């Protein structure tokens, strides 16, 4: 299958903000296409150049393939750049082919655990062959690449972008970005807690869950180019990340859903994370929302 978008350069990733979208869901597990469409349209209107659906922020690993495909098809009516996830427990060939048929323009390859070079390369071979799409290597803090695996993955001909999401490991993030640049692979930062620093280290675009709401704030931070603007951007985005990406870290999905509902992107009844960690308390909500509101004027 021929690649759907150019894979000889950074292509649609250069300078792009790809918002890792929520999957709006009620407490009963109900989803509504019109609610999801309005939400995705709000992200694009506020500066998202692309949409990542059924990725971790959208709890994609737990969604059946047909539901993921439906989200991809919907997203393609909103944005020209649509990324979706391929997970370790997937039938890689089927998941990749289904995503391509639905209209995805790139695949985010979630890492397997434990990390093994040969297994990762086989998964990349299959995903690339079955989809014809550019692959985004996902260096995730819960299953980070070793240096050996990372370099092998970045050398794979199907990999056209690298998403570091190492949370607080600045050294590993810097090393990963340097390896990607050496391999001539675009870097889409996934570092919600090190967003502006990762741009200074060489990232030129972003694929982040912090853009699932407060999207314009993330877009402005990505666009900041000079010293004063970078300092202001770093402080603003760091303050938002401080209250959203903290223990329990996987609670960021619910926290971003609270912000999205407060911004009017989704109805409150759809601001429910079905995989919300037990340690996340509703008492956090007021602080999260108040912080997000305080940053809207930036």
C-alpha atoms as a PDB file:
ATOM      1  CA  UNK A   1       0.000   0.000   0.000  1.00  0.00           C
ATOM      2  CA  UNK A   2       1.361   3.453  -0.919  1.00  0.00           C
ATOM      3  CA  UNK A   3       1.928   5.930   1.933  1.00  0.00           C
ATOM      4  CA  UNK A   4      -1.037   8.277   2.388  1.00  0.00           C
ATOM      5  CA  UNK A   5       1.195  11.265   3.202  1.00  0.00           C
ATOM      6  CA  UNK A   6       4.830  12.007   2.339  1.00  0.00           C
ATOM      7  CA  UNK A   7       7.298  10.029   4.414  1.00  0.00           C
ATOM      8  CA  UNK A   8      10.550  11.411   2.988  1.00  0.00           C
ATOM      9  CA  UNK A   9      10.624  14.333   5.431  1.00  0.00           C
ATOM     10  CA  UNK A  10       8.892  15.598   8.530  1.00  0.00           C
ATOM     11  CA  UNK A  11       5.833  16.231   6.357  1.00  0.00           C
ATOM     12  CA  UNK A  12       2.744  17.177   8.363  1.00  0.00           C
ATOM     13  CA  UNK A  13       4.600  16.961  11.680  1.00  0.00           C
ATOM     14  CA  UNK A  14       6.933  19.931  11.268  1.00  0.00           C
ATOM     15  CA  UNK A  15       5.776  22.674  13.636  1.00  0.00           C
ATOM     16  CA  UNK A  16       2.430  20.952  14.167  1.00  0.00           C
ATOM     17  CA  UNK A  17       0.364  20.762  17.315  1.00  0.00           C
ATOM     18  CA  UNK A  18      -1.435  17.432  17.350  1.00  0.00           C
ATOM     19  CA  UNK A  19      -3.950  17.368  20.194  1.00  0.00           C
ATOM     20  CA  UNK A  20      -4.279  14.023  21.930  1.00  0.00           C
ATOM     21  CA  UNK A  21      -8.047  14.042  22.220  1.00  0.00           C
ATOM     22  CA  UNK A  22     -10.328  12.712  24.909  1.00  0.00           C
ATOM     23  CA  UNK A  23     -13.084  10.282  24.006  1.00  0.00           C
ATOM     24  CA  UNK A  24     -16.127  11.975  25.592  1.00  0.00           C
ATOM     25  CA  UNK A  25     -17.901   9.329  27.672  1.00  0.00           C
ATOM     26  CA  UNK A  26     -20.644   9.263  30.286  1.00  0.00           C
ATOM     27  CA  UNK A  27     -20.569   7.371  33.561  1.00  0.00           C
ATOM     28  CA  UNK A  28     -22.667   4.670  31.877  1.00  0.00           C
ATOM     29  CA  UNK A  29     -20.129   4.333  29.062  1.00  0.00           C
ATOM     30  CA  UNK A  30     -22.272   6.133  26.502  1.00  0.00           C
ATOM     31  CA  UNK A  31     -20.636   8.060  23.647  1.00  0.00           C
ATOM     32  CA  UNK A  32     -22.308  10.412  21.204  1.00  0.00           C
ATOM     33  CA  UNK A  33     -21.027  11.312  17.738  1.00  0.00           C
ATOM     34  CA  UNK A  34     -22.392  14.863  17.816  1.00  0.00           C
ATOM     35  CA  UNK A  35     -20.734  15.527  21.195  1.00  0.00           C
ATOM     36  CA  UNK A  36     -17.435  14.118  19.943  1.00  0.00           C
ATOM     37  CA  UNK A  37     -17.592  16.091  16.697  1.00  0.00           C
ATOM     38  CA  UNK A  38     -18.223  19.370  18.507  1.00  0.00           C
ATOM     39  CA  UNK A  39     -15.347  18.608  20.870  1.00  0.00           C
ATOM     40  CA  UNK A  40     -12.886  17.795  18.062  1.00  0.00           C
ATOM     41  CA  UNK A  41     -13.969  20.901  16.161  1.00  0.00           C
ATOM     42  CA  UNK A  42     -13.251  23.008  19.247  1.00  0.00           C
ATOM     43  CA  UNK A  43      -9.685  21.665  19.405  1.00  0.00           C
ATOM     44  CA  UNK A  44      -9.088  22.517  15.752  1.00  0.00           C
ATOM     45  CA  UNK A  45     -10.631  25.958  16.194  1.00  0.00           C
ATOM     46  CA  UNK A  46      -8.289  26.690  19.094  1.00  0.00           C
ATOM     47  CA  UNK A  47      -5.095  25.867  17.227  1.00  0.00           C
ATOM     48  CA  UNK A  48      -4.706  22.090  16.900  1.00  0.00           C
ATOM     49  CA  UNK A  49      -3.173  21.347  13.489  1.00  0.00           C
ATOM     50  CA  UNK A  50      -3.943  17.656  13.894  1.00  0.00           C
ATOM     51  CA  UNK A  51      -5.938  15.273  16.050  1.00  0.00           C
ATOM     52  CA  UNK A  52      -4.783  12.094  17.766  1.00  0.00           C
ATOM     53  CA  UNK A  53      -7.828   9.943  18.506  1.00  0.00           C
ATOM     54  CA  UNK A  54      -8.031   6.648  20.371  1.00  0.00           C
ATOM     55  CA  UNK A  55      -4.565   7.274  21.788  1.00  0.00           C
ATOM     56  CA  UNK A  56      -3.841   7.071  25.517  1.00  0.00           C
ATOM     57  CA  UNK A  57      -5.702  10.288  26.364  1.00  0.00           C
ATOM     58  CA  UNK A  58      -8.737   8.824  24.595  1.00  0.00           C
ATOM     59  CA  UNK A  59      -8.275   5.420  26.289  1.00  0.00           C
ATOM     60  CA  UNK A  60      -7.788   3.886  22.864  1.00  0.00           C
ATOM     61  CA  UNK A  61      -6.234   0.647  24.090  1.00  0.00           C
ATOM     62  CA  UNK A  62      -9.553  -0.350  25.666  1.00  0.00           C
ATOM     63  CA  UNK A  63     -11.707   0.569  22.652  1.00  0.00           C
ATOM     64  CA  UNK A  64     -12.713  -2.080  20.096  1.00  0.00           C
ATOM     65  CA  UNK A  65     -11.256  -1.598  16.635  1.00  0.00           C
ATOM     66  CA  UNK A  66     -14.589  -0.608  15.132  1.00  0.00           C
ATOM     67  CA  UNK A  67     -14.984   2.208  17.670  1.00  0.00           C
ATOM     68  CA  UNK A  68     -11.447   3.403  17.036  1.00  0.00           C
ATOM     69  CA  UNK A  69     -12.137   3.385  13.296  1.00  0.00           C
ATOM     70  CA  UNK A  70     -15.301   5.409  13.818  1.00  0.00           C
ATOM     71  CA  UNK A  71     -13.317   8.021  15.784  1.00  0.00           C
ATOM     72  CA  UNK A  72     -10.733   8.183  13.006  1.00  0.00           C
ATOM     73  CA  UNK A  73     -13.402   8.653  10.332  1.00  0.00           C
ATOM     74  CA  UNK A  74     -15.006  11.406  12.378  1.00  0.00           C
ATOM     75  CA  UNK A  75     -11.670  13.138  12.974  1.00  0.00           C
ATOM     76  CA  UNK A  76     -10.884  13.143   9.242  1.00  0.00           C
ATOM     77  CA  UNK A  77     -13.908  15.367   8.672  1.00  0.00           C
ATOM     78  CA  UNK A  78     -12.385  17.909  11.071  1.00  0.00           C
ATOM     79  CA  UNK A  79      -8.619  17.781  10.470  1.00  0.00           C
ATOM     80  CA  UNK A  80      -6.255  16.815   7.631  1.00  0.00           C
ATOM     81  CA  UNK A  81      -3.848  15.194  10.109  1.00  0.00           C
ATOM     82  CA  UNK A  82      -5.275  12.273  12.107  1.00  0.00           C
ATOM     83  CA  UNK A  83      -3.103  10.027  14.254  1.00  0.00           C
ATOM     84  CA  UNK A  84      -4.345   6.921  16.022  1.00  0.00           C
ATOM     85  CA  UNK A  85      -2.723   4.317  18.235  1.00  0.00           C
ATOM     86  CA  UNK A  86      -1.527   0.756  17.732  1.00  0.00           C
ATOM     87  CA  UNK A  87      -1.174  -1.049  21.055  1.00  0.00           C
ATOM     88  CA  UNK A  88       0.958  -3.994  22.225  1.00  0.00           C
ATOM     89  CA  UNK A  89      -2.091  -6.204  22.746  1.00  0.00           C
ATOM     90  CA  UNK A  90      -3.430  -5.481  19.264  1.00  0.00           C
ATOM     91  CA  UNK A  91      -3.225  -7.742  16.267  1.00  0.00           C
ATOM     92  CA  UNK A  92      -0.791  -5.266  14.706  1.00  0.00           C
ATOM     93  CA  UNK A  93      -1.638  -6.089  11.098  1.00  0.00           C
ATOM     94  CA  UNK A  94      -5.378  -5.781  11.638  1.00  0.00           C
ATOM     95  CA  UNK A  95      -5.133  -2.634  13.752  1.00  0.00           C
ATOM     96  CA  UNK A  96      -2.838  -0.899  11.257  1.00  0.00           C
ATOM     97  CA  UNK A  97      -4.930  -1.848   8.240  1.00  0.00           C
ATOM     98  CA  UNK A  98      -8.167  -0.813   9.959  1.00  0.00           C
ATOM     99  CA  UNK A  99      -6.723   2.589  10.869  1.00  0.00           C
ATOM    100  CA  UNK A 100      -5.521   3.194   7.319  1.00  0.00           C
ATOM    101  CA  UNK A 101      -8.860   2.180   5.821  1.00  0.00           C
ATOM    102  CA  UNK A 102     -10.627   4.583   8.179  1.00  0.00           C
ATOM    103  CA  UNK A 103      -8.461   7.458   6.957  1.00  0.00           C
ATOM    104  CA  UNK A 104      -5.695   7.845   9.547  1.00  0.00           C
ATOM    105  CA  UNK A 105      -2.637   9.699   8.271  1.00  0.00           C
ATOM    106  CA  UNK A 106      -0.154   8.301  10.825  1.00  0.00           C
ATOM    107  CA  UNK A 107       0.087   5.615  13.496  1.00  0.00           C
ATOM    108  CA  UNK A 108       1.330   6.127  17.042  1.00  0.00           C
ATOM    109  CA  UNK A 109       3.157   2.916  17.958  1.00  0.00           C
ATOM    110  CA  UNK A 110       2.781   2.340  21.700  1.00  0.00           C
ATOM    111  CA  UNK A 111       5.724   0.393  23.155  1.00  0.00           C
ATOM    112  CA  UNK A 112       5.454  -3.205  24.263  1.00  0.00           C
ATOM    113  CA  UNK A 113       6.641  -4.313  27.676  1.00  0.00           C
ATOM    114  CA  UNK A 114       9.205  -5.552  28.356  1.00  0.00           C
ATOM    115  CA  UNK A 115      10.997  -3.710  25.587  1.00  0.00           C
ATOM    116  CA  UNK A 116      12.701  -5.988  23.080  1.00  0.00           C
ATOM    117  CA  UNK A 117      14.459  -4.741  19.959  1.00  0.00           C
ATOM    118  CA  UNK A 118      13.468  -7.546  17.609  1.00  0.00           C
ATOM    119  CA  UNK A 119       9.833  -7.540  18.718  1.00  0.00           C
ATOM    120  CA  UNK A 120       9.549  -3.777  18.260  1.00  0.00           C
ATOM    121  CA  UNK A 121      11.095  -3.906  14.807  1.00  0.00           C
ATOM    122  CA  UNK A 122       8.753  -6.726  13.758  1.00  0.00           C
ATOM    123  CA  UNK A 123       5.755  -4.669  14.922  1.00  0.00           C
ATOM    124  CA  UNK A 124       7.011  -1.676  12.944  1.00  0.00           C
ATOM    125  CA  UNK A 125       7.539  -3.846   9.851  1.00  0.00           C
ATOM    126  CA  UNK A 126       3.981  -5.164  10.034  1.00  0.00           C
ATOM    127  CA  UNK A 127       2.356  -1.797  10.793  1.00  0.00           C
ATOM    128  CA  UNK A 128       4.221  -0.102   7.970  1.00  0.00           C
ATOM    129  CA  UNK A 129       3.495  -2.827   5.429  1.00  0.00           C
ATOM    130  CA  UNK A 130      -0.192  -3.146   6.290  1.00  0.00           C
ATOM    131  CA  UNK A 131      -0.974   0.574   6.490  1.00  0.00           C
ATOM    132  CA  UNK A 132       1.500   2.387   4.251  1.00  0.00           C
ATOM    133  CA  UNK A 133       1.397   5.171   6.858  1.00  0.00           C
ATOM    134  CA  UNK A 134       4.161   7.080   8.624  1.00  0.00           C
ATOM    135  CA  UNK A 135       4.819   5.688  12.087  1.00  0.00           C
ATOM    136  CA  UNK A 136       5.349   7.717  15.259  1.00  0.00           C
ATOM    137  CA  UNK A 137       7.639   6.002  17.773  1.00  0.00           C
ATOM    138  CA  UNK A 138       6.189   6.442  21.276  1.00  0.00           C
ATOM    139  CA  UNK A 139       8.842   6.528  24.014  1.00  0.00           C
ATOM    140  CA  UNK A 140       6.569   6.242  27.049  1.00  0.00           C
ATOM    141  CA  UNK A 141       7.671   6.625  30.653  1.00  0.00           C
ATOM    142  CA  UNK A 142       5.888   3.432  31.733  1.00  0.00           C
ATOM    143  CA  UNK A 143       7.874   1.362  29.178  1.00  0.00           C
ATOM    144  CA  UNK A 144      10.768   3.567  28.033  1.00  0.00           C
ATOM    145  CA  UNK A 145      13.082   2.571  25.234  1.00  0.00           C
ATOM    146  CA  UNK A 146      16.607   1.559  26.095  1.00  0.00           C
ATOM    147  CA  UNK A 147      19.228   3.403  24.055  1.00  0.00           C
ATOM    148  CA  UNK A 148      19.679   0.314  21.874  1.00  0.00           C
ATOM    149  CA  UNK A 149      15.979  -0.114  21.183  1.00  0.00           C
ATOM    150  CA  UNK A 150      15.443   3.597  20.577  1.00  0.00           C
ATOM    151  CA  UNK A 151      18.196   3.851  17.990  1.00  0.00           C
ATOM    152  CA  UNK A 152      16.995   0.726  16.199  1.00  0.00           C
ATOM    153  CA  UNK A 153      13.410   2.011  16.162  1.00  0.00           C
ATOM    154  CA  UNK A 154      14.469   5.444  14.883  1.00  0.00           C
ATOM    155  CA  UNK A 155      16.465   3.798  12.087  1.00  0.00           C
ATOM    156  CA  UNK A 156      13.382   1.918  10.858  1.00  0.00           C
ATOM    157  CA  UNK A 157      12.359   3.288   7.429  1.00  0.00           C
ATOM    158  CA  UNK A 158       8.707   3.530   8.415  1.00  0.00           C
ATOM    159  CA  UNK A 159       9.327   5.749  11.450  1.00  0.00           C
ATOM    160  CA  UNK A 160       8.926   9.408  10.579  1.00  0.00           C
ATOM    161  CA  UNK A 161       8.387  10.964  13.996  1.00  0.00           C
ATOM    162  CA  UNK A 162       9.442  10.414  17.589  1.00  0.00           C
ATOM    163  CA  UNK A 163       7.236  11.234  20.570  1.00  0.00           C
ATOM    164  CA  UNK A 164       9.125  11.318  23.871  1.00  0.00           C
ATOM    165  CA  UNK A 165       6.798  11.179  26.879  1.00  0.00           C
ATOM    166  CA  UNK A 166       9.272  10.505  29.660  1.00  0.00           C
ATOM    167  CA  UNK A 167       7.462  12.694  32.203  1.00  0.00           C
ATOM    168  CA  UNK A 168      10.338  13.922  34.346  1.00  0.00           C
ATOM    169  CA  UNK A 169      13.452  12.220  32.979  1.00  0.00           C
ATOM    170  CA  UNK A 170      15.135  15.195  31.347  1.00  0.00           C
ATOM    171  CA  UNK A 171      18.337  13.342  30.506  1.00  0.00           C
ATOM    172  CA  UNK A 172      16.535  10.520  28.708  1.00  0.00           C
ATOM    173  CA  UNK A 173      14.377  13.043  26.873  1.00  0.00           C
ATOM    174  CA  UNK A 174      17.413  15.000  25.684  1.00  0.00           C
ATOM    175  CA  UNK A 175      19.156  11.813  24.565  1.00  0.00           C
ATOM    176  CA  UNK A 176      16.068  10.607  22.726  1.00  0.00           C
ATOM    177  CA  UNK A 177      15.594  13.906  20.913  1.00  0.00           C
ATOM    178  CA  UNK A 178      19.266  13.928  19.910  1.00  0.00           C
ATOM    179  CA  UNK A 179      19.003  10.361  18.584  1.00  0.00           C
ATOM    180  CA  UNK A 180      15.905  11.333  16.584  1.00  0.00           C
ATOM    181  CA  UNK A 181      17.584  14.389  15.097  1.00  0.00           C
ATOM    182  CA  UNK A 182      20.627  12.317  14.193  1.00  0.00           C
ATOM    183  CA  UNK A 183      18.293   9.845  12.458  1.00  0.00           C
ATOM    184  CA  UNK A 184      16.540  12.735  10.646  1.00  0.00           C
ATOM    185  CA  UNK A 185      13.254  11.888  12.337  1.00  0.00           C
ATOM    186  CA  UNK A 186      10.838  14.663  13.318  1.00  0.00           C
ATOM    187  CA  UNK A 187      10.310  15.155  17.052  1.00  0.00           C
ATOM    188  CA  UNK A 188       6.760  15.637  18.326  1.00  0.00           C
ATOM    189  CA  UNK A 189       7.137  16.353  22.007  1.00  0.00           C
ATOM    190  CA  UNK A 190       4.841  14.461  24.319  1.00  0.00           C
ATOM    191  CA  UNK A 191       6.422  16.074  27.354  1.00  0.00           C
ATOM    192  CA  UNK A 192       3.554  17.809  29.121  1.00  0.00           C
ATOM    193  CA  UNK A 193       5.783  18.468  32.154  1.00  0.00           C
ATOM    194  CA  UNK A 194       8.807  19.511  30.050  1.00  0.00           C
ATOM    195  CA  UNK A 195       7.046  21.109  27.100  1.00  0.00           C
ATOM    196  CA  UNK A 196       9.063  24.263  26.455  1.00  0.00           C
ATOM    197  CA  UNK A 197      12.385  22.666  27.524  1.00  0.00           C
ATOM    198  CA  UNK A 198      11.821  19.875  25.009  1.00  0.00           C
ATOM    199  CA  UNK A 199      11.355  22.513  22.282  1.00  0.00           C
ATOM    200  CA  UNK A 200      14.686  24.026  23.286  1.00  0.00           C
ATOM    201  CA  UNK A 201      16.233  20.547  23.083  1.00  0.00           C
ATOM    202  CA  UNK A 202      15.085  20.127  19.478  1.00  0.00           C
ATOM    203  CA  UNK A 203      11.409  19.172  19.266  1.00  0.00           C
ATOM    204  CA  UNK A 204       9.663  21.046  16.463  1.00  0.00           C
ATOM    205  CA  UNK A 205       6.086  19.881  17.003  1.00  0.00           C
ATOM    206  CA  UNK A 206       3.915  18.362  19.701  1.00  0.00           C
ATOM    207  CA  UNK A 207       1.528  15.477  20.277  1.00  0.00           C
ATOM    208  CA  UNK A 208       0.292  16.064  23.800  1.00  0.00           C
ATOM    209  CA  UNK A 209      -2.575  15.293  26.143  1.00  0.00           C
ATOM    210  CA  UNK A 210      -2.327  18.750  27.694  1.00  0.00           C
ATOM    211  CA  UNK A 211      -3.855  20.040  24.441  1.00  0.00           C
ATOM    212  CA  UNK A 212      -7.010  17.962  25.050  1.00  0.00           C
ATOM    213  CA  UNK A 213      -8.326  21.173  26.650  1.00  0.00           C
ATOM    214  CA  UNK A 214      -6.783  24.620  27.163  1.00  0.00           C
ATOM    215  CA  UNK A 215      -5.685  24.019  23.572  1.00  0.00           C
ATOM    216  CA  UNK A 216      -4.932  27.620  22.695  1.00  0.00           C
ATOM    217  CA  UNK A 217      -2.495  27.850  25.619  1.00  0.00           C
ATOM    218  CA  UNK A 218      -0.520  24.899  24.254  1.00  0.00           C
ATOM    219  CA  UNK A 219      -0.648  26.323  20.718  1.00  0.00           C
ATOM    220  CA  UNK A 220       0.726  29.651  21.894  1.00  0.00           C
ATOM    221  CA  UNK A 221       3.505  27.922  23.827  1.00  0.00           C
ATOM    222  CA  UNK A 222       4.503  25.968  20.713  1.00  0.00           C
ATOM    223  CA  UNK A 223       4.552  29.189  18.671  1.00  0.00           C
ATOM    224  CA  UNK A 224       6.633  31.183  21.184  1.00  0.00           C
ATOM    225  CA  UNK A 225      10.020  31.881  19.631  1.00  0.00           C
ATOM    226  CA  UNK A 226      11.906  34.555  21.541  1.00  0.00           C
ATOM    227  CA  UNK A 227      13.271  34.752  25.063  1.00  0.00           C
ATOM    228  CA  UNK A 228      10.518  36.703  26.850  1.00  0.00           C
ATOM    229  CA  UNK A 229       7.706  34.801  25.151  1.00  0.00           C
ATOM    230  CA  UNK A 230       9.351  31.458  25.896  1.00  0.00           C
ATOM    231  CA  UNK A 231       9.690  32.314  29.568  1.00  0.00           C
ATOM    232  CA  UNK A 232       6.046  33.346  29.814  1.00  0.00           C
ATOM    233  CA  UNK A 233       4.959  30.275  27.834  1.00  0.00           C
ATOM    234  CA  UNK A 234       6.989  27.946  30.027  1.00  0.00           C
ATOM    235  CA  UNK A 235       5.571  29.403  33.225  1.00  0.00           C
ATOM    236  CA  UNK A 236       1.973  29.284  32.016  1.00  0.00           C
ATOM    237  CA  UNK A 237       2.086  25.768  30.618  1.00  0.00           C
ATOM    238  CA  UNK A 238       4.099  24.489  33.572  1.00  0.00           C
ATOM    239  CA  UNK A 239       1.427  25.803  35.936  1.00  0.00           C
ATOM    240  CA  UNK A 240      -1.296  23.977  34.023  1.00  0.00           C
ATOM    241  CA  UNK A 241       0.805  20.800  33.894  1.00  0.00           C
ATOM    242  CA  UNK A 242       1.509  21.058  37.617  1.00  0.00           C
ATOM    243  CA  UNK A 243      -2.159  20.487  38.472  1.00  0.00           C
ATOM    244  CA  UNK A 244      -3.003  18.064  35.659  1.00  0.00           C
ATOM    245  CA  UNK A 245       0.060  15.809  35.314  1.00  0.00           C
ATOM    246  CA  UNK A 246       0.780  14.772  38.889  1.00  0.00           C
ATOM    247  CA  UNK A 247       0.173  11.755  41.103  1.00  0.00           C
ATOM    248  CA  UNK A 248      -1.721   9.697  40.235  1.00  0.00           C
ATOM    249  CA  UNK A 249      -0.284  10.546  36.821  1.00  0.00           C
ATOM    250  CA  UNK A 250      -2.829   8.556  34.848  1.00  0.00           C
ATOM    251  CA  UNK A 251      -5.454  10.816  36.400  1.00  0.00           C
ATOM    252  CA  UNK A 252      -4.527  13.481  33.852  1.00  0.00           C
ATOM    253  CA  UNK A 253      -7.262  12.142  31.559  1.00  0.00           C
ATOM    254  CA  UNK A 254      -9.976  12.930  34.089  1.00  0.00           C
ATOM    255  CA  UNK A 255      -8.386  16.269  34.952  1.00  0.00           C
ATOM    256  CA  UNK A 256      -8.298  17.327  31.298  1.00  0.00           C
ATOM    257  CA  UNK A 257     -11.927  16.208  30.951  1.00  0.00           C
ATOM    258  CA  UNK A 258     -12.880  18.520  33.837  1.00  0.00           C
ATOM    259  CA  UNK A 259     -11.187  21.418  32.068  1.00  0.00           C
ATOM    260  CA  UNK A 260     -12.797  20.538  28.730  1.00  0.00           C
ATOM    261  CA  UNK A 261     -16.229  20.538  30.361  1.00  0.00           C
ATOM    262  CA  UNK A 262     -15.580  23.827  32.157  1.00  0.00           C
ATOM    263  CA  UNK A 263     -14.548  25.364  28.830  1.00  0.00           C
ATOM    264  CA  UNK A 264     -17.808  24.182  27.270  1.00  0.00           C
ATOM    265  CA  UNK A 265     -16.145  21.762  24.874  1.00  0.00           C
ATOM    266  CA  UNK A 266     -18.153  18.800  26.187  1.00  0.00           C
ATOM    267  CA  UNK A 267     -21.211  18.490  28.438  1.00  0.00           C
ATOM    268  CA  UNK A 268     -20.352  17.677  32.046  1.00  0.00           C
ATOM    269  CA  UNK A 269     -22.082  14.311  31.803  1.00  0.00           C
ATOM    270  CA  UNK A 270     -19.530  13.311  29.130  1.00  0.00           C
ATOM    271  CA  UNK A 271     -16.531  14.400  31.217  1.00  0.00           C
ATOM    272  CA  UNK A 272     -15.936  10.947  32.690  1.00  0.00           C
ATOM    273  CA  UNK A 273     -12.752   8.903  32.387  1.00  0.00           C
ATOM    274  CA  UNK A 274     -13.775   5.229  32.386  1.00  0.00           C
ATOM    275  CA  UNK A 275     -10.268   4.246  33.523  1.00  0.00           C
ATOM    276  CA  UNK A 276      -9.928   6.894  36.207  1.00  0.00           C
ATOM    277  CA  UNK A 277      -7.398   5.771  38.846  1.00  0.00           C
ATOM    278  CA  UNK A 278      -8.757   5.090  42.313  1.00  0.00           C
ATOM    279  CA  UNK A 279      -6.376   7.580  43.925  1.00  0.00           C
ATOM    280  CA  UNK A 280      -7.834  10.572  42.086  1.00  0.00           C
ATOM    281  CA  UNK A 281     -10.253  12.513  44.306  1.00  0.00           C
ATOM    282  CA  UNK A 282     -12.989  14.906  43.235  1.00  0.00           C
ATOM    283  CA  UNK A 283     -11.584  17.394  45.730  1.00  0.00           C
ATOM    284  CA  UNK A 284      -8.915  18.173  43.103  1.00  0.00           C
ATOM    285  CA  UNK A 285     -11.434  19.465  40.614  1.00  0.00           C
ATOM    286  CA  UNK A 286     -11.810  23.002  41.943  1.00  0.00           C
ATOM    287  CA  UNK A 287      -8.052  23.614  41.934  1.00  0.00           C
ATOM    288  CA  UNK A 288      -7.649  22.167  38.443  1.00  0.00           C
ATOM    289  CA  UNK A 289     -10.444  24.308  37.018  1.00  0.00           C
ATOM    290  CA  UNK A 290      -9.390  27.467  38.864  1.00  0.00           C
ATOM    291  CA  UNK A 291      -5.827  27.102  37.563  1.00  0.00           C
ATOM    292  CA  UNK A 292      -6.984  26.557  33.989  1.00  0.00           C
ATOM    293  CA  UNK A 293      -9.277  29.584  34.187  1.00  0.00           C
ATOM    294  CA  UNK A 294      -6.482  31.775  35.533  1.00  0.00           C
ATOM    295  CA  UNK A 295      -4.349  30.962  32.482  1.00  0.00           C
ATOM    296  CA  UNK A 296      -6.939  31.600  29.777  1.00  0.00           C
ATOM    297  CA  UNK A 297      -5.946  35.237  29.416  1.00  0.00           C
ATOM    298  CA  UNK A 298      -2.334  34.412  28.666  1.00  0.00           C
END
